[in-house]
Amino acid sequence: MSRDISEHRKNLLEALGMAGRENSNAAVMYHSAMGERLGLGMTEEKTLDLLQRLGPLTAGEIGQHAGLAPATVSGLIDRLEAKWLVRRVRDTKDRRRVIVEINHERLAGFAELFEPFVAALSELYGRYTDAELELILDFVNRSTALQRRATEELVRETS
């Protein structure tokens, strides 16, 4: 940090760093508890989230979005498939290509477990102006991109 930074800014940056760590810990603990409730590991739960948001993906695409090594993704898909949560299907246009899709019937009821938290967030969002929400969204998007790059670097270093 620069020496000519104001004491107020220094305190804000320290508080922001601590708040970010607290937010990260809260997210990890929430998803860990949710995963336990659903009988899933955290990576399994987040992979299902990816497939719900983005639709069917190849194993390579899952690895790219999750920042996971190919061997890790293969085992992950095997575990989800053994739990009947996803299925591997051949691409109708390119039979060599395998796509992973969610078994929606098996996931019925999972979404309602998230509803109380989603409702609480919606109420929180209502406290902010559109301009404030745009600023928050910008920060979240940029910090997420930084975290993805950091994850990719860690995966690269261990590969």
Protein backbone atom coordinates (compact mmCIF):
# COMPACT_ATOMS: atom_id res chain seq x y z
CA MET A 1 0.00 0.00 0.00
CA SER A 2 1.16 3.51 -0.76
CA ARG A 3 2.40 5.70 2.10
CA ASP A 4 0.29 8.66 0.98
CA ILE A 5 -2.98 6.76 1.41
CA SER A 6 -5.40 8.34 3.86
CA GLU A 7 -6.05 6.62 7.16
CA HIS A 8 -9.75 6.44 6.27
CA ARG A 9 -9.03 4.65 2.97
CA LYS A 10 -6.55 2.32 4.68
CA ASN A 11 -9.25 1.38 7.21
CA LEU A 12 -11.82 0.92 4.44
CA LEU A 13 -9.49 -1.36 2.47
CA GLU A 14 -8.73 -3.44 5.55
CA ALA A 15 -12.44 -3.70 6.36
CA LEU A 16 -13.20 -4.65 2.75
CA GLY A 17 -10.54 -7.35 2.83
CA MET A 18 -11.96 -8.74 6.06
CA ALA A 19 -15.55 -8.53 4.77
CA GLY A 20 -14.50 -10.40 1.61
CA ARG A 21 -12.95 -13.16 3.70
CA GLU A 22 -16.05 -13.34 5.88
CA ASN A 23 -18.28 -13.48 2.79
CA SER A 24 -16.14 -16.23 1.30
CA ASN A 25 -16.25 -18.23 4.52
CA ALA A 26 -20.02 -17.79 4.81
CA ALA A 27 -20.51 -18.94 1.20
CA VAL A 28 -18.30 -22.00 1.69
CA MET A 29 -20.05 -22.94 4.94
CA TYR A 30 -23.52 -22.41 3.42
CA HIS A 31 -22.74 -24.59 0.42
CA SER A 32 -21.04 -27.16 2.60
CA ALA A 33 -24.15 -27.40 4.80
CA MET A 34 -26.42 -27.45 1.74
CA GLY A 35 -24.28 -30.13 0.12
CA GLU A 36 -24.42 -32.23 3.28
CA ARG A 37 -28.19 -31.85 3.37
CA LEU A 38 -28.39 -32.97 -0.28
CA GLY A 39 -25.77 -35.71 0.06
CA LEU A 40 -23.36 -33.86 -2.23
CA GLY A 41 -19.83 -32.55 -2.00
CA MET A 42 -19.42 -28.84 -2.54
CA THR A 43 -17.87 -29.33 -6.00
CA GLU A 44 -20.74 -31.62 -6.96
CA GLU A 45 -23.29 -29.04 -5.84
CA LYS A 46 -21.56 -26.20 -7.70
CA THR A 47 -21.28 -28.34 -10.85
CA LEU A 48 -25.03 -28.92 -10.75
CA ASP A 49 -25.43 -25.16 -10.41
CA LEU A 50 -23.29 -24.66 -13.52
CA LEU A 51 -25.40 -27.15 -15.47
CA GLN A 52 -28.62 -25.52 -14.28
CA ARG A 53 -27.45 -22.04 -15.29
CA LEU A 54 -25.63 -22.89 -18.52
CA GLY A 55 -27.44 -25.99 -19.72
CA PRO A 56 -25.81 -29.23 -20.88
CA LEU A 57 -22.01 -29.07 -21.14
CA THR A 58 -19.16 -31.32 -22.19
CA ALA A 59 -16.68 -32.46 -19.56
CA GLY A 60 -14.15 -30.00 -21.01
CA GLU A 61 -16.61 -27.13 -20.71
CA ILE A 62 -17.37 -28.08 -17.10
CA GLY A 63 -13.63 -28.04 -16.41
CA GLN A 64 -13.25 -24.61 -18.01
CA HIS A 65 -16.13 -23.08 -16.07
CA ALA A 66 -15.20 -24.73 -12.77
CA GLY A 67 -11.43 -24.31 -13.12
CA LEU A 68 -10.88 -28.04 -12.61
CA ALA A 69 -8.38 -30.42 -14.16
CA PRO A 70 -9.76 -33.00 -16.67
CA ALA A 71 -9.14 -35.99 -14.36
CA THR A 72 -11.00 -34.23 -11.57
CA VAL A 73 -13.95 -33.47 -13.85
CA SER A 74 -14.17 -37.07 -15.01
CA GLY A 75 -14.39 -38.36 -11.44
CA LEU A 76 -16.86 -35.62 -10.56
CA ILE A 77 -19.17 -36.57 -13.43
CA ASP A 78 -18.87 -40.25 -12.44
CA ARG A 79 -20.00 -39.41 -8.87
CA LEU A 80 -22.93 -37.28 -10.07
CA GLU A 81 -23.95 -39.96 -12.54
CA ALA A 82 -23.80 -42.66 -9.82
CA LYS A 83 -26.22 -40.52 -7.77
CA TRP A 84 -28.54 -40.27 -10.83
CA LEU A 85 -28.17 -36.46 -10.83
CA VAL A 86 -26.67 -36.20 -14.32
CA ARG A 87 -26.40 -38.37 -17.38
CA ARG A 88 -23.95 -38.54 -20.23
CA VAL A 89 -25.58 -38.36 -23.64
CA ARG A 90 -24.17 -38.42 -27.15
CA ASP A 91 -24.40 -35.18 -29.10
CA THR A 92 -26.96 -35.71 -31.85
CA LYS A 93 -24.86 -33.69 -34.31
CA ASP A 94 -21.44 -35.15 -33.42
CA ARG A 95 -21.72 -38.69 -32.05
CA ARG A 96 -18.10 -38.54 -30.80
CA ARG A 97 -19.02 -35.72 -28.44
CA VAL A 98 -20.49 -36.54 -25.02
CA ILE A 99 -22.62 -33.99 -23.20
CA VAL A 100 -23.47 -33.97 -19.51
CA GLU A 101 -27.03 -32.99 -18.70
CA ILE A 102 -29.01 -32.73 -15.49
CA ASN A 103 -31.56 -35.33 -14.53
CA HIS A 104 -34.27 -32.78 -13.66
CA GLU A 105 -36.64 -35.38 -12.24
CA ARG A 106 -34.04 -36.34 -9.64
CA LEU A 107 -33.42 -32.70 -8.68
CA ALA A 108 -37.09 -31.96 -8.04
CA GLY A 109 -37.37 -30.37 -4.60
CA PHE A 110 -33.74 -29.22 -4.37
CA ALA A 111 -34.62 -25.63 -5.36
CA GLU A 112 -37.02 -25.14 -2.47
CA LEU A 113 -34.14 -25.58 -0.02
CA PHE A 114 -32.54 -22.44 -1.46
CA GLU A 115 -35.75 -20.35 -1.43
CA PRO A 116 -35.38 -18.79 2.06
CA PHE A 117 -31.89 -17.51 1.27
CA VAL A 118 -32.94 -16.27 -2.18
CA ALA A 119 -35.90 -14.43 -0.62
CA ALA A 120 -33.62 -12.81 1.99
CA LEU A 121 -31.24 -11.64 -0.74
CA SER A 122 -34.14 -10.22 -2.73
CA GLU A 123 -35.19 -8.23 0.31
CA LEU A 124 -31.62 -6.98 0.77
CA TYR A 125 -31.42 -5.89 -2.89
CA GLY A 126 -34.53 -3.80 -2.34
CA ARG A 127 -32.56 -1.55 0.03
CA TYR A 128 -30.27 -0.30 -2.77
CA THR A 129 -30.80 2.15 -5.62
CA ASP A 130 -30.27 1.05 -9.20
CA ALA A 131 -26.96 2.96 -9.28
CA GLU A 132 -25.79 1.22 -6.11
CA LEU A 133 -26.80 -2.17 -7.50
CA GLU A 134 -24.84 -1.42 -10.69
CA LEU A 135 -21.76 -0.64 -8.57
CA ILE A 136 -22.20 -3.79 -6.48
CA LEU A 137 -22.69 -5.87 -9.61
CA ASP A 138 -19.54 -4.41 -11.17
CA PHE A 139 -17.53 -5.24 -8.05
CA VAL A 140 -18.90 -8.79 -7.82
CA ASN A 141 -18.23 -9.45 -11.54
CA ARG A 142 -14.69 -8.09 -11.36
CA SER A 143 -13.79 -9.89 -8.13
CA THR A 144 -15.25 -13.12 -9.54
CA ALA A 145 -13.04 -12.79 -12.63
CA LEU A 146 -10.00 -12.25 -10.40
CA GLN A 147 -10.87 -15.32 -8.35
CA ARG A 148 -11.33 -17.43 -11.49
CA ARG A 149 -7.90 -16.37 -12.74
CA ALA A 150 -6.37 -17.19 -9.34
CA THR A 151 -8.07 -20.61 -9.44
CA GLU A 152 -6.78 -21.28 -12.96
CA GLU A 153 -3.27 -20.38 -11.82
CA LEU A 154 -3.47 -22.78 -8.87
CA VAL A 155 -4.72 -25.57 -11.12
CA ARG A 156 -1.95 -24.87 -13.65
CA GLU A 157 0.70 -25.00 -10.94
CA THR A 158 -0.47 -28.41 -9.73
CA SER A 159 -0.96 -29.96 -13.18
